[in-house]
């Protein structure tokens, strides 16, 4: 009989295994759980850990600053949706898709497919120029938050309309940038792959010099 497990189920299964071979996994789960409790008690600590994670993946400081700002704006928007009756995860995904579609011309799923991503976070794989556009996306999310508040949008349908309007603000900025620069901002290039390749190339050159 075929059994399917989700992530939580797999972790619970590991915890129930009496074998000494499972001990390293159990210790890892305990450490991650402890860190999560610390993050809840001190959100600033979670922010520091996120920065350290990006630095370990060789993201530039400038990229990290943009990304951290986008996370803060995103959290403010989802907090506003929650206060106004948007509860289900599916509704959050639909509203996010509305903002993205209006801003980038693609939904997050379409954008991820265009970049040949699978489970990876889309915004973590944007090029520097795309992340600049992500600032426009931040504008779209911030505009959505403001429109939601000003129109006192309640529930999913009204929030969806506000998301379209807010995303359009970013979309207009994107189209003007593309018209003036003469190139498309949306690209299939993967920022993380590019930076890691550059770092490896630099390391090889330094090794040859020594």
C-alpha atoms as a PDB file:
ATOM      1  CA  UNK A   1       0.000   0.000   0.000  1.00  0.00           C
ATOM      2  CA  UNK A   2       1.365   3.412  -1.020  1.00  0.00           C
ATOM      3  CA  UNK A   3       1.684   5.916   1.841  1.00  0.00           C
ATOM      4  CA  UNK A   4       2.219   9.654   1.331  1.00  0.00           C
ATOM      5  CA  UNK A   5       3.881  11.820   3.949  1.00  0.00           C
ATOM      6  CA  UNK A   6       4.011  15.565   4.309  1.00  0.00           C
ATOM      7  CA  UNK A   7       6.998  17.330   5.878  1.00  0.00           C
ATOM      8  CA  UNK A   8       5.496  17.393   9.365  1.00  0.00           C
ATOM      9  CA  UNK A   9       4.670  13.677   9.162  1.00  0.00           C
ATOM     10  CA  UNK A  10       8.221  12.811   8.126  1.00  0.00           C
ATOM     11  CA  UNK A  11       9.651  14.796  11.054  1.00  0.00           C
ATOM     12  CA  UNK A  12       7.304  13.043  13.480  1.00  0.00           C
ATOM     13  CA  UNK A  13       8.348   9.695  12.024  1.00  0.00           C
ATOM     14  CA  UNK A  14      12.034  10.527  12.537  1.00  0.00           C
ATOM     15  CA  UNK A  15      11.343  11.480  16.153  1.00  0.00           C
ATOM     16  CA  UNK A  16       9.692   8.101  16.788  1.00  0.00           C
ATOM     17  CA  UNK A  17      12.614   6.019  15.449  1.00  0.00           C
ATOM     18  CA  UNK A  18      14.520   4.447  18.397  1.00  0.00           C
ATOM     19  CA  UNK A  19      17.698   3.764  16.368  1.00  0.00           C
ATOM     20  CA  UNK A  20      20.913   5.625  17.353  1.00  0.00           C
ATOM     21  CA  UNK A  21      21.328   6.442  13.654  1.00  0.00           C
ATOM     22  CA  UNK A  22      18.323   8.777  13.947  1.00  0.00           C
ATOM     23  CA  UNK A  23      19.911  10.789  16.767  1.00  0.00           C
ATOM     24  CA  UNK A  24      21.705  13.331  14.505  1.00  0.00           C
ATOM     25  CA  UNK A  25      18.374  14.110  12.807  1.00  0.00           C
ATOM     26  CA  UNK A  26      16.635  14.409  16.171  1.00  0.00           C
ATOM     27  CA  UNK A  27      19.294  16.828  17.424  1.00  0.00           C
ATOM     28  CA  UNK A  28      18.953  18.853  14.241  1.00  0.00           C
ATOM     29  CA  UNK A  29      15.158  19.022  14.668  1.00  0.00           C
ATOM     30  CA  UNK A  30      15.604  20.109  18.298  1.00  0.00           C
ATOM     31  CA  UNK A  31      18.034  22.863  17.257  1.00  0.00           C
ATOM     32  CA  UNK A  32      15.748  24.123  14.488  1.00  0.00           C
ATOM     33  CA  UNK A  33      12.781  24.099  16.875  1.00  0.00           C
ATOM     34  CA  UNK A  34      14.753  26.041  19.471  1.00  0.00           C
ATOM     35  CA  UNK A  35      15.837  28.616  16.880  1.00  0.00           C
ATOM     36  CA  UNK A  36      12.231  29.003  15.741  1.00  0.00           C
ATOM     37  CA  UNK A  37      11.137  29.735  19.321  1.00  0.00           C
ATOM     38  CA  UNK A  38      13.928  32.310  19.574  1.00  0.00           C
ATOM     39  CA  UNK A  39      12.728  33.941  16.344  1.00  0.00           C
ATOM     40  CA  UNK A  40       9.182  34.226  17.698  1.00  0.00           C
ATOM     41  CA  UNK A  41      10.440  35.804  20.927  1.00  0.00           C
ATOM     42  CA  UNK A  42      12.839  38.141  19.098  1.00  0.00           C
ATOM     43  CA  UNK A  43      11.885  38.916  15.447  1.00  0.00           C
ATOM     44  CA  UNK A  44      15.094  40.924  15.032  1.00  0.00           C
ATOM     45  CA  UNK A  45      17.032  37.710  15.567  1.00  0.00           C
ATOM     46  CA  UNK A  46      15.095  36.098  12.708  1.00  0.00           C
ATOM     47  CA  UNK A  47      16.055  39.035  10.483  1.00  0.00           C
ATOM     48  CA  UNK A  48      19.740  38.602  11.363  1.00  0.00           C
ATOM     49  CA  UNK A  49      19.552  34.896  10.569  1.00  0.00           C
ATOM     50  CA  UNK A  50      17.933  35.639   7.216  1.00  0.00           C
ATOM     51  CA  UNK A  51      20.695  38.107   6.361  1.00  0.00           C
ATOM     52  CA  UNK A  52      23.356  35.571   7.361  1.00  0.00           C
ATOM     53  CA  UNK A  53      21.707  32.932   5.184  1.00  0.00           C
ATOM     54  CA  UNK A  54      21.759  35.201   2.126  1.00  0.00           C
ATOM     55  CA  UNK A  55      25.383  36.160   2.821  1.00  0.00           C
ATOM     56  CA  UNK A  56      26.318  32.469   3.010  1.00  0.00           C
ATOM     57  CA  UNK A  57      24.772  32.039  -0.449  1.00  0.00           C
ATOM     58  CA  UNK A  58      27.081  34.830  -1.746  1.00  0.00           C
ATOM     59  CA  UNK A  59      24.376  37.415  -2.370  1.00  0.00           C
ATOM     60  CA  UNK A  60      25.702  40.986  -2.477  1.00  0.00           C
ATOM     61  CA  UNK A  61      24.983  43.345   0.427  1.00  0.00           C
ATOM     62  CA  UNK A  62      23.064  45.648  -1.920  1.00  0.00           C
ATOM     63  CA  UNK A  63      20.872  42.750  -3.093  1.00  0.00           C
ATOM     64  CA  UNK A  64      20.252  41.669   0.512  1.00  0.00           C
ATOM     65  CA  UNK A  65      19.143  45.166   1.517  1.00  0.00           C
ATOM     66  CA  UNK A  66      16.574  45.255  -1.297  1.00  0.00           C
ATOM     67  CA  UNK A  67      15.365  41.751  -0.455  1.00  0.00           C
ATOM     68  CA  UNK A  68      14.971  42.459   3.267  1.00  0.00           C
ATOM     69  CA  UNK A  69      12.983  45.592   2.501  1.00  0.00           C
ATOM     70  CA  UNK A  70      10.702  43.641   0.176  1.00  0.00           C
ATOM     71  CA  UNK A  71      10.071  41.081   2.948  1.00  0.00           C
ATOM     72  CA  UNK A  72       9.048  43.844   5.373  1.00  0.00           C
ATOM     73  CA  UNK A  73       6.624  45.398   2.870  1.00  0.00           C
ATOM     74  CA  UNK A  74       5.198  41.986   2.026  1.00  0.00           C
ATOM     75  CA  UNK A  75       4.606  41.248   5.715  1.00  0.00           C
ATOM     76  CA  UNK A  76       2.773  44.560   6.130  1.00  0.00           C
ATOM     77  CA  UNK A  77       0.476  43.763   3.203  1.00  0.00           C
ATOM     78  CA  UNK A  78      -0.358  40.223   4.329  1.00  0.00           C
ATOM     79  CA  UNK A  79      -0.987  41.574   7.825  1.00  0.00           C
ATOM     80  CA  UNK A  80      -3.490  44.027   6.365  1.00  0.00           C
ATOM     81  CA  UNK A  81      -5.213  41.248   4.406  1.00  0.00           C
ATOM     82  CA  UNK A  82      -5.477  39.134   7.539  1.00  0.00           C
ATOM     83  CA  UNK A  83      -7.120  41.961   9.479  1.00  0.00           C
ATOM     84  CA  UNK A  84      -9.678  42.358   6.688  1.00  0.00           C
ATOM     85  CA  UNK A  85     -10.944  38.813   6.536  1.00  0.00           C
ATOM     86  CA  UNK A  86      -8.537  37.098   4.133  1.00  0.00           C
ATOM     87  CA  UNK A  87      -7.772  33.857   5.937  1.00  0.00           C
ATOM     88  CA  UNK A  88      -7.130  30.934   3.614  1.00  0.00           C
ATOM     89  CA  UNK A  89      -3.664  30.330   2.156  1.00  0.00           C
ATOM     90  CA  UNK A  90      -5.241  29.893  -1.277  1.00  0.00           C
ATOM     91  CA  UNK A  91      -6.708  33.411  -1.094  1.00  0.00           C
ATOM     92  CA  UNK A  92      -3.306  34.869  -0.168  1.00  0.00           C
ATOM     93  CA  UNK A  93      -1.830  33.120  -3.218  1.00  0.00           C
ATOM     94  CA  UNK A  94      -4.538  34.504  -5.520  1.00  0.00           C
ATOM     95  CA  UNK A  95      -4.100  38.057  -4.217  1.00  0.00           C
ATOM     96  CA  UNK A  96      -0.333  37.807  -4.591  1.00  0.00           C
ATOM     97  CA  UNK A  97      -0.819  36.577  -8.159  1.00  0.00           C
ATOM     98  CA  UNK A  98      -3.015  39.617  -8.885  1.00  0.00           C
ATOM     99  CA  UNK A  99      -0.279  42.009  -7.754  1.00  0.00           C
ATOM    100  CA  UNK A 100       2.436  40.096  -9.652  1.00  0.00           C
ATOM    101  CA  UNK A 101       0.387  39.795 -12.846  1.00  0.00           C
ATOM    102  CA  UNK A 102      -0.252  43.519 -12.937  1.00  0.00           C
ATOM    103  CA  UNK A 103       3.364  44.351 -12.021  1.00  0.00           C
ATOM    104  CA  UNK A 104       5.330  41.832 -14.088  1.00  0.00           C
ATOM    105  CA  UNK A 105       2.844  40.605 -16.681  1.00  0.00           C
ATOM    106  CA  UNK A 106       3.226  37.115 -15.188  1.00  0.00           C
ATOM    107  CA  UNK A 107       1.821  35.326 -12.156  1.00  0.00           C
ATOM    108  CA  UNK A 108       4.406  33.999  -9.657  1.00  0.00           C
ATOM    109  CA  UNK A 109       3.861  30.452 -10.999  1.00  0.00           C
ATOM    110  CA  UNK A 110       4.352  31.586 -14.617  1.00  0.00           C
ATOM    111  CA  UNK A 111       7.414  33.617 -13.643  1.00  0.00           C
ATOM    112  CA  UNK A 112       8.963  30.681 -11.767  1.00  0.00           C
ATOM    113  CA  UNK A 113       8.351  28.398 -14.752  1.00  0.00           C
ATOM    114  CA  UNK A 114       9.962  30.991 -17.035  1.00  0.00           C
ATOM    115  CA  UNK A 115      13.062  30.880 -14.814  1.00  0.00           C
ATOM    116  CA  UNK A 116      12.940  27.067 -14.702  1.00  0.00           C
ATOM    117  CA  UNK A 117      12.518  27.060 -10.925  1.00  0.00           C
ATOM    118  CA  UNK A 118      10.819  24.283  -8.999  1.00  0.00           C
ATOM    119  CA  UNK A 119      10.406  24.792  -5.252  1.00  0.00           C
ATOM    120  CA  UNK A 120      12.831  27.723  -4.968  1.00  0.00           C
ATOM    121  CA  UNK A 121      11.691  31.169  -3.852  1.00  0.00           C
ATOM    122  CA  UNK A 122      11.151  33.284  -6.977  1.00  0.00           C
ATOM    123  CA  UNK A 123      12.392  36.567  -5.511  1.00  0.00           C
ATOM    124  CA  UNK A 124      15.598  34.897  -4.306  1.00  0.00           C
ATOM    125  CA  UNK A 125      16.478  34.173  -7.943  1.00  0.00           C
ATOM    126  CA  UNK A 126      15.832  37.571  -9.500  1.00  0.00           C
ATOM    127  CA  UNK A 127      18.710  39.347 -11.215  1.00  0.00           C
ATOM    128  CA  UNK A 128      19.821  42.712  -9.871  1.00  0.00           C
ATOM    129  CA  UNK A 129      17.762  44.514 -12.531  1.00  0.00           C
ATOM    130  CA  UNK A 130      14.752  42.366 -11.705  1.00  0.00           C
ATOM    131  CA  UNK A 131      15.226  43.155  -8.045  1.00  0.00           C
ATOM    132  CA  UNK A 132      15.203  46.830  -8.969  1.00  0.00           C
ATOM    133  CA  UNK A 133      11.893  46.075 -10.605  1.00  0.00           C
ATOM    134  CA  UNK A 134      11.023  44.242  -7.421  1.00  0.00           C
ATOM    135  CA  UNK A 135      11.249  47.679  -5.847  1.00  0.00           C
ATOM    136  CA  UNK A 136       8.410  48.572  -8.212  1.00  0.00           C
ATOM    137  CA  UNK A 137       6.718  45.407  -7.012  1.00  0.00           C
ATOM    138  CA  UNK A 138       7.250  46.675  -3.487  1.00  0.00           C
ATOM    139  CA  UNK A 139       5.617  49.878  -4.677  1.00  0.00           C
ATOM    140  CA  UNK A 140       2.741  47.764  -5.974  1.00  0.00           C
ATOM    141  CA  UNK A 141       2.388  45.959  -2.654  1.00  0.00           C
ATOM    142  CA  UNK A 142       2.690  49.190  -0.695  1.00  0.00           C
ATOM    143  CA  UNK A 143       0.123  50.782  -3.027  1.00  0.00           C
ATOM    144  CA  UNK A 144      -2.155  47.783  -2.520  1.00  0.00           C
ATOM    145  CA  UNK A 145      -1.875  48.228   1.245  1.00  0.00           C
ATOM    146  CA  UNK A 146      -2.700  51.935   0.941  1.00  0.00           C
ATOM    147  CA  UNK A 147      -5.619  51.351  -1.449  1.00  0.00           C
ATOM    148  CA  UNK A 148      -6.948  48.593   0.801  1.00  0.00           C
ATOM    149  CA  UNK A 149      -6.902  50.940   3.778  1.00  0.00           C
ATOM    150  CA  UNK A 150      -8.279  53.987   1.973  1.00  0.00           C
ATOM    151  CA  UNK A 151     -11.139  52.036   0.396  1.00  0.00           C
ATOM    152  CA  UNK A 152     -11.625  50.027   3.586  1.00  0.00           C
ATOM    153  CA  UNK A 153     -11.645  46.845   1.514  1.00  0.00           C
ATOM    154  CA  UNK A 154     -13.200  43.943   3.393  1.00  0.00           C
ATOM    155  CA  UNK A 155     -12.980  40.274   2.549  1.00  0.00           C
ATOM    156  CA  UNK A 156     -11.507  38.548  -0.468  1.00  0.00           C
ATOM    157  CA  UNK A 157     -13.369  40.152  -3.467  1.00  0.00           C
ATOM    158  CA  UNK A 158     -12.664  43.747  -2.416  1.00  0.00           C
ATOM    159  CA  UNK A 159      -9.071  42.876  -1.508  1.00  0.00           C
ATOM    160  CA  UNK A 160      -8.654  41.293  -4.941  1.00  0.00           C
ATOM    161  CA  UNK A 161      -9.739  44.498  -6.670  1.00  0.00           C
ATOM    162  CA  UNK A 162      -7.341  46.522  -4.501  1.00  0.00           C
ATOM    163  CA  UNK A 163      -4.537  44.085  -5.398  1.00  0.00           C
ATOM    164  CA  UNK A 164      -5.170  44.620  -9.119  1.00  0.00           C
ATOM    165  CA  UNK A 165      -5.111  48.396  -8.699  1.00  0.00           C
ATOM    166  CA  UNK A 166      -1.976  48.353  -6.555  1.00  0.00           C
ATOM    167  CA  UNK A 167      -0.166  46.005  -8.913  1.00  0.00           C
ATOM    168  CA  UNK A 168      -1.025  48.249 -11.845  1.00  0.00           C
ATOM    169  CA  UNK A 169       1.027  51.028 -10.226  1.00  0.00           C
ATOM    170  CA  UNK A 170       4.122  48.799 -10.439  1.00  0.00           C
ATOM    171  CA  UNK A 171       3.180  47.578 -13.918  1.00  0.00           C
ATOM    172  CA  UNK A 172       3.050  51.131 -15.259  1.00  0.00           C
ATOM    173  CA  UNK A 173       6.503  51.804 -13.783  1.00  0.00           C
ATOM    174  CA  UNK A 174       7.856  48.596 -15.347  1.00  0.00           C
ATOM    175  CA  UNK A 175       6.555  49.436 -18.811  1.00  0.00           C
ATOM    176  CA  UNK A 176       7.994  52.953 -18.673  1.00  0.00           C
ATOM    177  CA  UNK A 177      11.400  51.607 -17.581  1.00  0.00           C
ATOM    178  CA  UNK A 178      11.405  49.044 -20.386  1.00  0.00           C
ATOM    179  CA  UNK A 179      10.394  51.667 -22.938  1.00  0.00           C
ATOM    180  CA  UNK A 180      13.143  54.051 -21.865  1.00  0.00           C
ATOM    181  CA  UNK A 181      15.865  51.401 -21.453  1.00  0.00           C
ATOM    182  CA  UNK A 182      14.946  49.485 -24.604  1.00  0.00           C
ATOM    183  CA  UNK A 183      15.081  46.091 -22.918  1.00  0.00           C
ATOM    184  CA  UNK A 184      12.810  43.737 -21.020  1.00  0.00           C
ATOM    185  CA  UNK A 185      13.359  43.609 -17.277  1.00  0.00           C
ATOM    186  CA  UNK A 186      11.868  40.127 -16.862  1.00  0.00           C
ATOM    187  CA  UNK A 187      14.524  37.512 -17.659  1.00  0.00           C
ATOM    188  CA  UNK A 188      14.973  33.757 -17.469  1.00  0.00           C
ATOM    189  CA  UNK A 189      18.419  34.281 -15.909  1.00  0.00           C
ATOM    190  CA  UNK A 190      18.911  33.012 -12.372  1.00  0.00           C
ATOM    191  CA  UNK A 191      20.624  35.545 -10.098  1.00  0.00           C
ATOM    192  CA  UNK A 192      21.847  33.031  -7.552  1.00  0.00           C
ATOM    193  CA  UNK A 193      23.348  30.769 -10.231  1.00  0.00           C
ATOM    194  CA  UNK A 194      25.075  33.757 -11.845  1.00  0.00           C
ATOM    195  CA  UNK A 195      26.591  35.041  -8.585  1.00  0.00           C
ATOM    196  CA  UNK A 196      27.750  31.606  -7.474  1.00  0.00           C
ATOM    197  CA  UNK A 197      29.377  31.029 -10.871  1.00  0.00           C
ATOM    198  CA  UNK A 198      31.113  34.407 -10.616  1.00  0.00           C
ATOM    199  CA  UNK A 199      32.324  33.624  -7.095  1.00  0.00           C
ATOM    200  CA  UNK A 200      33.673  30.248  -8.223  1.00  0.00           C
ATOM    201  CA  UNK A 201      35.446  31.858 -11.181  1.00  0.00           C
ATOM    202  CA  UNK A 202      37.024  34.430  -8.868  1.00  0.00           C
ATOM    203  CA  UNK A 203      38.141  31.675  -6.504  1.00  0.00           C
ATOM    204  CA  UNK A 204      39.773  29.770  -9.380  1.00  0.00           C
ATOM    205  CA  UNK A 205      41.623  32.900 -10.522  1.00  0.00           C
ATOM    206  CA  UNK A 206      42.888  33.588  -7.005  1.00  0.00           C
ATOM    207  CA  UNK A 207      44.074  29.973  -6.698  1.00  0.00           C
ATOM    208  CA  UNK A 208      46.030  30.263  -9.952  1.00  0.00           C
ATOM    209  CA  UNK A 209      47.710  33.456  -8.760  1.00  0.00           C
ATOM    210  CA  UNK A 210      48.952  31.792  -5.599  1.00  0.00           C
END
